[in-house]
Structures are given as C-alpha cells and as structure tokens.
C-alpha cells in the first residue's frame, strides 16, 4: 500500500510540476509578444504618477528606493528631472525604465 501511495504521490508531483512549467513558458511568450512591437517610451513609468506598487515593479527599484522616491516627491512636490534621483542606488540601471512628464 505504501509503495502504491508513494507512486501516486510522485505521479501527481510530476504532473503538477509539468503544468507549472507549461504555464510559465506561455506567460513568458505572451510577455515577449505583447512588448515586441511596443514603443519603448510607452513602457516607461512616470515617476510623478507612479504609486509604491508600480515603483517596486520597476527593475532595480526595491522597497527602499521606492520609499525614497516617494519621500523625495513629497518633499519637492514634483520631480522635474530624473537626475534628482541620481543619489539612489542602481540609478544608472533603473533610469531607463522611468520618465518625467
């Protein structure tokens, strides 16, 4: 009985893992197709309009950088140039994903 149970458990785990991998592949392909023809400026996030959740979704902006951007925006009222974020960690990496309007 225990060998049969273990075999069923292993089969279930294999099917579940295969299903998860299959979904991951489809999601990855969809994201590639969706962004393939998009204008790069359309994909950038406006620093002055973005909330905390949008900021942390940007590559290289973590929790601390998102909090610092919101704090800077609160202090200055509005960010007029991305160079105001130059003191933040990974600025040279995430500046390509942001814009100021």
N, C-alpha and C. Protein backbone atom coordinates (compact mmCIF):
# COMPACT_ATOMS: atom_id res chain seq x y z
N UNK A 1 0.82 -1.19 0.00
CA UNK A 1 0.00 0.00 0.00
C UNK A 1 0.87 1.26 0.00
N UNK A 2 1.93 1.25 0.79
CA UNK A 2 2.75 2.46 0.88
C UNK A 2 3.51 2.71 -0.42
N UNK A 3 3.93 1.62 -1.13
CA UNK A 3 4.61 1.80 -2.41
C UNK A 3 3.66 2.39 -3.44
N UNK A 4 2.42 1.94 -3.43
CA UNK A 4 1.42 2.45 -4.35
C UNK A 4 1.12 3.92 -4.05
N UNK A 5 1.01 4.24 -2.78
CA UNK A 5 0.75 5.62 -2.38
C UNK A 5 1.91 6.51 -2.81
N UNK A 6 3.11 6.07 -2.60
CA UNK A 6 4.28 6.87 -2.98
C UNK A 6 4.32 7.06 -4.50
N UNK A 7 3.96 6.04 -5.25
CA UNK A 7 3.96 6.15 -6.71
C UNK A 7 2.92 7.16 -7.18
N UNK A 8 1.74 7.12 -6.58
CA UNK A 8 0.70 8.09 -6.93
C UNK A 8 1.12 9.52 -6.57
N UNK A 9 1.76 9.65 -5.43
CA UNK A 9 2.23 10.96 -5.00
C UNK A 9 3.28 11.50 -5.96
N UNK A 10 4.19 10.64 -6.36
CA UNK A 10 5.23 11.06 -7.31
C UNK A 10 4.62 11.43 -8.65
N UNK A 11 3.67 10.65 -9.14
CA UNK A 11 3.00 10.97 -10.40
C UNK A 11 2.27 12.31 -10.32
N UNK A 12 1.61 12.56 -9.21
CA UNK A 12 0.91 13.83 -9.02
C UNK A 12 1.89 15.00 -9.00
N UNK A 13 3.00 14.83 -8.33
CA UNK A 13 4.01 15.89 -8.27
C UNK A 13 4.60 16.17 -9.65
N UNK A 14 4.82 15.12 -10.42
CA UNK A 14 5.38 15.30 -11.77
C UNK A 14 4.38 16.05 -12.65
N UNK A 15 3.12 15.67 -12.58
CA UNK A 15 2.10 16.37 -13.39
C UNK A 15 1.97 17.83 -12.97
N UNK A 16 1.99 18.08 -11.68
CA UNK A 16 1.88 19.45 -11.19
C UNK A 16 3.08 20.29 -11.64
N UNK A 17 4.28 19.75 -11.53
CA UNK A 17 5.48 20.46 -11.95
C UNK A 17 5.44 20.74 -13.45
N UNK A 18 5.02 19.77 -14.24
CA UNK A 18 4.90 19.96 -15.68
C UNK A 18 3.90 21.07 -16.01
N UNK A 19 2.78 21.08 -15.31
CA UNK A 19 1.76 22.09 -15.51
C UNK A 19 2.29 23.49 -15.19
N UNK A 20 3.01 23.63 -14.09
CA UNK A 20 3.59 24.93 -13.70
C UNK A 20 4.61 25.39 -14.73
N UNK A 21 5.46 24.50 -15.19
CA UNK A 21 6.46 24.86 -16.21
C UNK A 21 5.77 25.28 -17.50
N UNK A 22 4.74 24.57 -17.89
CA UNK A 22 4.00 24.90 -19.10
C UNK A 22 3.36 26.30 -19.00
N UNK A 23 2.75 26.60 -17.88
CA UNK A 23 2.17 27.93 -17.68
C UNK A 23 3.25 29.00 -17.71
N UNK A 24 4.39 28.75 -17.09
CA UNK A 24 5.48 29.73 -17.09
C UNK A 24 5.97 30.03 -18.50
N UNK A 25 6.07 29.00 -19.32
CA UNK A 25 6.51 29.20 -20.70
C UNK A 25 5.51 30.04 -21.47
N UNK A 26 4.22 29.75 -21.33
CA UNK A 26 3.20 30.53 -22.03
C UNK A 26 3.18 31.98 -21.58
N UNK A 27 3.31 32.22 -20.29
CA UNK A 27 3.33 33.59 -19.77
C UNK A 27 4.55 34.33 -20.32
N UNK A 28 5.69 33.68 -20.33
CA UNK A 28 6.89 34.30 -20.88
C UNK A 28 6.75 34.64 -22.36
N UNK A 29 6.16 33.74 -23.13
CA UNK A 29 5.94 34.00 -24.56
C UNK A 29 4.95 35.14 -24.77
N UNK A 30 3.91 35.17 -23.95
CA UNK A 30 2.92 36.24 -24.08
C UNK A 30 3.55 37.60 -23.80
N UNK A 31 4.38 37.67 -22.77
CA UNK A 31 5.03 38.95 -22.44
C UNK A 31 5.94 39.38 -23.57
N UNK A 32 6.63 38.43 -24.19
CA UNK A 32 7.53 38.77 -25.30
C UNK A 32 6.73 39.30 -26.48
N UNK A 33 5.64 38.64 -26.81
CA UNK A 33 4.82 39.06 -27.95
C UNK A 33 4.14 40.40 -27.65
N UNK A 34 3.69 40.60 -26.43
CA UNK A 34 2.99 41.84 -26.07
C UNK A 34 3.91 43.05 -26.15
N UNK A 35 5.17 42.90 -25.78
CA UNK A 35 6.09 44.03 -25.75
C UNK A 35 6.93 44.16 -27.01
N UNK A 36 6.83 43.21 -27.91
CA UNK A 36 7.71 43.21 -29.08
C UNK A 36 7.52 44.45 -29.94
N UNK A 37 6.28 44.84 -30.23
CA UNK A 37 6.05 45.97 -31.10
C UNK A 37 5.77 47.26 -30.37
N UNK A 38 5.90 47.26 -29.07
CA UNK A 38 5.56 48.44 -28.29
C UNK A 38 6.66 49.50 -28.37
N UNK A 39 6.24 50.73 -28.29
CA UNK A 39 7.17 51.86 -28.25
C UNK A 39 7.86 51.86 -26.88
N UNK A 40 9.19 51.96 -26.83
CA UNK A 40 9.87 51.92 -25.54
C UNK A 40 9.42 53.02 -24.57
N UNK A 41 9.08 54.20 -25.09
CA UNK A 41 8.62 55.27 -24.20
C UNK A 41 7.25 54.96 -23.60
N UNK A 42 6.46 54.15 -24.29
CA UNK A 42 5.16 53.76 -23.77
C UNK A 42 5.30 52.85 -22.54
N UNK A 43 6.37 52.10 -22.49
CA UNK A 43 6.58 51.15 -21.40
C UNK A 43 7.17 51.80 -20.16
N UNK A 44 7.66 53.03 -20.28
CA UNK A 44 8.27 53.71 -19.14
C UNK A 44 7.20 54.19 -18.18
N UNK A 45 7.55 54.23 -16.90
CA UNK A 45 6.63 54.64 -15.86
C UNK A 45 6.94 56.07 -15.45
N UNK A 46 5.89 56.88 -15.35
CA UNK A 46 6.05 58.27 -14.92
C UNK A 46 6.32 58.31 -13.42
N UNK A 47 7.42 58.92 -13.04
CA UNK A 47 7.84 58.96 -11.64
C UNK A 47 6.83 59.73 -10.78
N UNK A 48 6.25 60.76 -11.32
CA UNK A 48 5.35 61.61 -10.53
C UNK A 48 3.96 61.00 -10.36
N UNK A 49 3.57 60.09 -11.19
CA UNK A 49 2.24 59.48 -11.09
C UNK A 49 2.27 58.09 -10.46
N UNK A 50 3.42 57.46 -10.47
CA UNK A 50 3.52 56.06 -10.03
C UNK A 50 3.34 55.95 -8.52
N UNK A 51 2.61 54.94 -8.13
CA UNK A 51 2.46 54.62 -6.72
C UNK A 51 3.56 53.67 -6.27
N UNK A 52 3.49 53.28 -5.03
CA UNK A 52 4.51 52.39 -4.46
C UNK A 52 4.57 51.07 -5.21
N UNK A 53 3.41 50.49 -5.50
CA UNK A 53 3.37 49.18 -6.18
C UNK A 53 3.97 49.25 -7.57
N UNK A 54 3.71 50.33 -8.30
CA UNK A 54 4.28 50.47 -9.63
C UNK A 54 5.79 50.66 -9.56
N UNK A 55 6.24 51.43 -8.58
CA UNK A 55 7.68 51.67 -8.47
C UNK A 55 8.46 50.40 -8.15
N UNK A 56 7.94 49.57 -7.27
CA UNK A 56 8.69 48.36 -6.94
C UNK A 56 8.62 47.33 -8.07
N UNK A 57 7.71 47.52 -9.02
CA UNK A 57 7.66 46.60 -10.16
C UNK A 57 8.72 46.95 -11.20
N UNK A 58 9.35 48.11 -11.08
CA UNK A 58 10.41 48.51 -12.00
C UNK A 58 11.69 47.76 -11.62
N UNK A 59 12.39 47.20 -12.62
CA UNK A 59 13.64 46.51 -12.31
C UNK A 59 14.64 47.43 -11.60
N UNK A 60 15.33 46.90 -10.63
CA UNK A 60 16.37 47.57 -9.85
C UNK A 60 15.84 48.59 -8.85
N UNK A 61 14.53 48.79 -8.76
CA UNK A 61 13.97 49.64 -7.71
C UNK A 61 13.36 48.71 -6.68
N UNK A 62 13.95 48.68 -5.54
CA UNK A 62 13.45 47.84 -4.47
C UNK A 62 12.56 48.63 -3.53
N UNK A 63 12.32 48.07 -2.37
CA UNK A 63 11.45 48.72 -1.39
C UNK A 63 12.04 50.05 -0.92
N UNK A 64 13.34 50.04 -0.63
CA UNK A 64 13.97 51.26 -0.10
C UNK A 64 13.99 52.38 -1.15
N UNK A 65 14.35 52.05 -2.38
CA UNK A 65 14.37 53.08 -3.41
C UNK A 65 12.98 53.62 -3.69
N UNK A 66 11.98 52.76 -3.68
CA UNK A 66 10.61 53.22 -3.90
C UNK A 66 10.18 54.18 -2.78
N UNK A 67 10.53 53.82 -1.54
CA UNK A 67 10.20 54.70 -0.42
C UNK A 67 10.94 56.03 -0.54
N UNK A 68 12.19 56.00 -0.96
CA UNK A 68 12.96 57.23 -1.11
C UNK A 68 12.41 58.11 -2.23
N UNK A 69 11.97 57.49 -3.31
CA UNK A 69 11.38 58.27 -4.41
C UNK A 69 10.10 58.95 -3.94
N UNK A 70 9.26 58.23 -3.23
CA UNK A 70 8.03 58.81 -2.73
C UNK A 70 8.30 59.93 -1.72
N UNK A 71 9.31 59.73 -0.88
CA UNK A 71 9.68 60.75 0.09
C UNK A 71 10.20 62.00 -0.62
N UNK A 72 11.04 61.82 -1.62
CA UNK A 72 11.58 62.94 -2.40
C UNK A 72 10.45 63.67 -3.12
N UNK A 73 9.53 62.93 -3.66
CA UNK A 73 8.39 63.53 -4.35
C UNK A 73 7.51 64.32 -3.38
N UNK A 74 7.38 63.83 -2.16
CA UNK A 74 6.58 64.53 -1.16
C UNK A 74 7.28 65.82 -0.72
N UNK A 75 8.60 65.76 -0.58
CA UNK A 75 9.35 66.94 -0.14
C UNK A 75 9.38 68.03 -1.21
N UNK A 76 9.64 67.65 -2.44
CA UNK A 76 9.81 68.63 -3.51
C UNK A 76 8.51 68.93 -4.25
N UNK A 77 7.48 68.15 -4.02
CA UNK A 77 6.22 68.37 -4.69
C UNK A 77 6.14 67.63 -6.01
N UNK A 78 7.16 67.75 -6.82
CA UNK A 78 7.17 67.10 -8.12
C UNK A 78 8.62 66.92 -8.56
N UNK A 79 8.92 65.79 -9.15
CA UNK A 79 10.25 65.54 -9.69
C UNK A 79 10.28 66.09 -11.10
N UNK A 80 11.18 67.03 -11.35
CA UNK A 80 11.23 67.68 -12.65
C UNK A 80 12.23 67.05 -13.60
N UNK A 81 13.22 66.34 -13.04
CA UNK A 81 14.25 65.72 -13.86
C UNK A 81 14.70 64.43 -13.19
N UNK A 82 14.98 63.41 -13.99
CA UNK A 82 15.42 62.14 -13.41
C UNK A 82 16.76 62.26 -12.69
N UNK A 83 17.52 63.27 -13.00
CA UNK A 83 18.81 63.45 -12.34
C UNK A 83 18.66 63.74 -10.84
N UNK A 84 17.46 64.11 -10.42
CA UNK A 84 17.21 64.30 -8.99
C UNK A 84 17.28 62.97 -8.23
N UNK A 85 17.17 61.88 -8.95
CA UNK A 85 17.23 60.56 -8.34
C UNK A 85 18.64 59.96 -8.38
N UNK A 86 19.59 60.75 -8.79
CA UNK A 86 20.95 60.26 -9.03
C UNK A 86 21.61 59.67 -7.78
N UNK A 87 21.22 60.12 -6.61
CA UNK A 87 21.83 59.62 -5.37
C UNK A 87 21.30 58.25 -4.94
N UNK A 88 20.27 57.77 -5.63
CA UNK A 88 19.70 56.47 -5.27
C UNK A 88 20.56 55.33 -5.83
N UNK A 89 20.53 54.23 -5.12
CA UNK A 89 21.29 53.05 -5.54
C UNK A 89 20.71 52.50 -6.84
N UNK A 90 21.55 52.05 -7.72
CA UNK A 90 21.20 51.47 -9.03
C UNK A 90 20.53 52.48 -9.97
N UNK A 91 20.76 53.77 -9.77
CA UNK A 91 20.16 54.79 -10.63
C UNK A 91 20.50 54.55 -12.09
N UNK A 92 21.74 54.22 -12.38
CA UNK A 92 22.16 54.04 -13.77
C UNK A 92 21.45 52.87 -14.43
N UNK A 93 20.92 51.96 -13.65
CA UNK A 93 20.21 50.81 -14.21
C UNK A 93 18.71 51.06 -14.37
N UNK A 94 18.09 51.71 -13.38
CA UNK A 94 16.63 51.87 -13.46
C UNK A 94 16.19 53.13 -14.18
N UNK A 95 17.09 54.03 -14.49
CA UNK A 95 16.68 55.29 -15.13
C UNK A 95 16.07 55.05 -16.52
N UNK A 96 16.38 53.95 -17.14
CA UNK A 96 15.86 53.65 -18.47
C UNK A 96 14.39 53.22 -18.44
N UNK A 97 13.89 52.89 -17.26
CA UNK A 97 12.52 52.43 -17.14
C UNK A 97 11.57 53.53 -16.63
N UNK A 98 12.11 54.73 -16.40
CA UNK A 98 11.31 55.81 -15.84
C UNK A 98 11.28 57.00 -16.79
N UNK A 99 10.27 57.84 -16.59
CA UNK A 99 10.18 59.09 -17.35
C UNK A 99 9.55 60.15 -16.45
N UNK A 100 9.73 61.41 -16.86
CA UNK A 100 9.14 62.53 -16.14
C UNK A 100 8.24 63.28 -17.11
N UNK A 101 7.00 63.46 -16.73
CA UNK A 101 6.06 64.21 -17.59
C UNK A 101 5.60 65.45 -16.89
